[in-house]
Protein backbone atom coordinates (compact mmCIF):
# COMPACT_ATOMS: atom_id res chain seq x y z
CA MET A 1 16.50 -15.96 17.91
CA ARG A 2 17.43 -16.56 14.18
CA ALA A 3 14.62 -16.76 11.73
CA VAL A 4 14.27 -20.59 10.31
CA PRO A 5 15.55 -20.55 6.97
CA GLY A 6 12.58 -22.02 5.94
CA ARG A 7 10.60 -19.26 6.88
CA ALA A 8 12.75 -16.48 5.34
CA ILE A 9 12.20 -18.41 1.87
CA THR A 10 8.54 -18.18 2.80
CA TYR A 11 8.68 -14.15 3.59
CA ALA A 12 10.40 -14.15 0.32
CA ALA A 13 7.68 -15.96 -1.65
CA ILE A 14 5.10 -13.78 0.03
CA ILE A 15 6.73 -10.65 -0.84
CA LEU A 16 7.34 -11.73 -4.44
CA ALA A 17 3.27 -13.11 -4.68
CA GLY A 18 2.58 -9.52 -3.18
CA SER A 19 4.53 -7.64 -5.88
CA LEU A 20 3.36 -9.83 -8.32
CA LEU A 21 -0.30 -9.18 -7.54
CA PHE A 22 -0.19 -5.41 -6.63
CA LEU A 23 2.62 -3.59 -8.72
CA PRO A 24 1.99 -4.60 -12.43
CA PHE A 25 0.32 -1.97 -14.46
CA LEU A 26 -0.14 0.11 -11.18
CA GLY A 27 0.19 3.57 -13.00
CA GLN A 28 -1.18 2.43 -16.44
CA VAL A 29 -4.86 3.56 -15.48
CA ALA A 30 -5.52 7.33 -14.65
CA LEU A 31 -6.75 8.33 -10.98
CA PHE A 32 -10.44 7.75 -11.19
CA ASP A 33 -11.97 8.05 -7.57
CA TRP A 34 -12.92 10.88 -5.90
CA ASP A 35 -10.46 10.01 -2.88
CA GLU A 36 -7.71 8.56 -5.17
CA ILE A 37 -7.41 12.18 -7.01
CA ASN A 38 -7.81 14.39 -4.02
CA PHE A 39 -4.99 12.21 -2.08
CA ALA A 40 -2.66 12.36 -4.79
CA GLU A 41 -3.33 16.14 -5.20
CA ILE A 42 -2.89 16.72 -1.36
CA ALA A 43 0.58 15.14 -1.43
CA ARG A 44 1.34 16.79 -4.81
CA GLU A 45 0.76 20.28 -3.03
CA MET A 46 2.98 19.46 -0.19
CA ILE A 47 5.80 18.77 -2.52
CA VAL A 48 5.01 22.09 -4.29
CA THR A 49 4.72 24.19 -1.06
CA GLY A 50 6.96 22.44 0.98
CA ASP A 51 5.00 22.42 3.80
CA TYR A 52 4.28 18.85 4.80
CA LEU A 53 2.58 19.28 8.33
CA ASN A 54 -0.43 21.12 7.10
CA VAL A 55 -2.87 18.90 4.88
CA GLN A 56 -4.39 21.09 2.32
CA ILE A 57 -6.30 20.53 -1.04
CA ASN A 58 -6.41 23.42 -3.48
CA TYR A 59 -4.33 25.24 -0.76
CA GLN A 60 -7.39 25.16 1.68
CA PRO A 61 -7.28 23.09 5.05
CA PHE A 62 -8.26 19.39 4.76
CA TRP A 63 -8.70 17.61 8.12
CA GLU A 64 -10.91 14.23 6.59
CA LYS A 65 -7.95 11.83 6.75
CA PRO A 66 -4.98 11.43 8.92
CA PRO A 67 -1.90 12.31 6.97
CA LEU A 68 0.28 9.57 7.48
CA PHE A 69 -0.78 7.91 4.11
CA ILE A 70 -0.32 11.24 2.22
CA TRP A 71 3.08 11.51 3.76
CA MET A 72 3.75 7.97 2.30
CA GLN A 73 2.51 9.00 -1.16
CA VAL A 74 4.49 12.40 -0.72
CA LEU A 75 7.82 9.89 -0.37
CA SER A 76 6.79 7.47 -3.51
CA MET A 77 6.48 10.82 -5.37
CA LYS A 78 9.79 12.18 -4.50
CA LEU A 79 11.17 8.60 -5.48
CA PHE A 80 9.29 8.13 -8.77
CA GLY A 81 7.83 11.34 -10.00
CA ILE A 82 4.44 12.47 -9.37
CA ASN A 83 2.17 10.07 -11.33
CA GLU A 84 -0.62 7.40 -10.77
CA PHE A 85 2.00 4.85 -9.61
CA ALA A 86 3.78 6.85 -7.17
CA ALA A 87 0.26 7.90 -5.79
CA ARG A 88 -0.77 4.00 -5.80
CA PHE A 89 2.56 2.53 -4.56
CA PRO A 90 2.47 3.08 -0.69
CA ASN A 91 -0.79 0.64 -1.02
CA ALA A 92 0.80 -1.94 -2.85
CA ILE A 93 3.58 -2.07 -0.13
CA GLY A 94 0.81 -2.02 2.55
CA GLY A 95 -0.77 -5.10 0.96
CA THR A 96 2.37 -6.76 0.69
CA ILE A 97 3.02 -6.34 4.17
CA THR A 98 -0.94 -7.32 4.92
CA LEU A 99 0.05 -10.46 3.58
CA LEU A 100 2.96 -11.23 5.60
CA ILE A 101 0.98 -10.34 8.74
CA LEU A 102 -1.77 -12.44 8.17
CA PHE A 103 0.74 -15.48 7.40
CA GLU A 104 2.45 -14.47 10.81
CA MET A 105 -0.62 -14.71 12.84
CA GLY A 106 -1.79 -17.92 10.93
CA ARG A 107 1.42 -19.26 11.50
CA LYS A 108 1.47 -18.32 15.47
CA LEU A 109 -2.10 -19.32 15.79
CA TYR A 110 -2.03 -22.47 14.12
CA ASP A 111 0.87 -23.51 12.08
CA HIS A 112 3.00 -22.92 8.91
CA ARG A 113 0.44 -24.20 6.48
CA MET A 114 -2.45 -22.43 8.40
CA GLY A 115 -0.29 -19.36 7.63
CA LEU A 116 0.10 -19.83 4.09
CA LEU A 117 -3.45 -20.40 3.37
CA TRP A 118 -4.66 -17.02 5.19
CA ALA A 119 -2.09 -15.41 3.31
CA LEU A 120 -3.05 -16.93 0.08
CA VAL A 121 -6.54 -16.79 0.62
CA TYR A 122 -6.66 -13.29 1.18
CA ALA A 123 -4.42 -12.39 -1.81
CA GLY A 124 -6.75 -14.38 -4.03
CA SER A 125 -9.90 -12.31 -2.63
CA VAL A 126 -11.42 -9.41 -5.09
CA LEU A 127 -11.42 -6.49 -2.87
CA PRO A 128 -7.91 -6.56 -1.77
CA PHE A 129 -6.69 -6.74 -5.32
CA PHE A 130 -8.37 -3.98 -6.21
CA TYR A 131 -7.85 -1.76 -2.81
CA PHE A 132 -4.35 -2.30 -2.88
CA LYS A 133 -3.80 -1.54 -6.60
CA SER A 134 -5.44 2.07 -5.42
CA GLY A 135 -4.57 5.63 -3.93
CA ILE A 136 -7.00 4.98 -1.60
CA ILE A 137 -6.63 5.37 2.42
CA ASP A 138 -9.30 3.08 3.45
CA PRO A 139 -8.03 -0.34 2.36
CA TRP A 140 -5.93 -0.32 5.64
């Protein structure tokens, strides 16, 4: 089944909106939350040691969170270097994907307009704005 051209434009607009909301100034503020600092350090240690299966901090086992988000940070750090932007980039992508999912849910349950409304209301909310600009696992 081919995508409707109008829907493709809507997807592009949502991706653009998510990028404009979540990407600017992503690396301008130092990592500040305990979780944000530790998850970035775990990703850094994975890169340094080359051991991507054992989640560790200060080279000691760390089993508080599953490793998927940390692996995403590792990929981001390999692309952008070990820095604040790279530590937070996976959440910005996750936030944009969340907007797309909300649009699709609203569209399928109601209509195109409701899907847009769901995505826009969520994008305009305070907590998603801050969480998707952080390096914390829990917004998902």
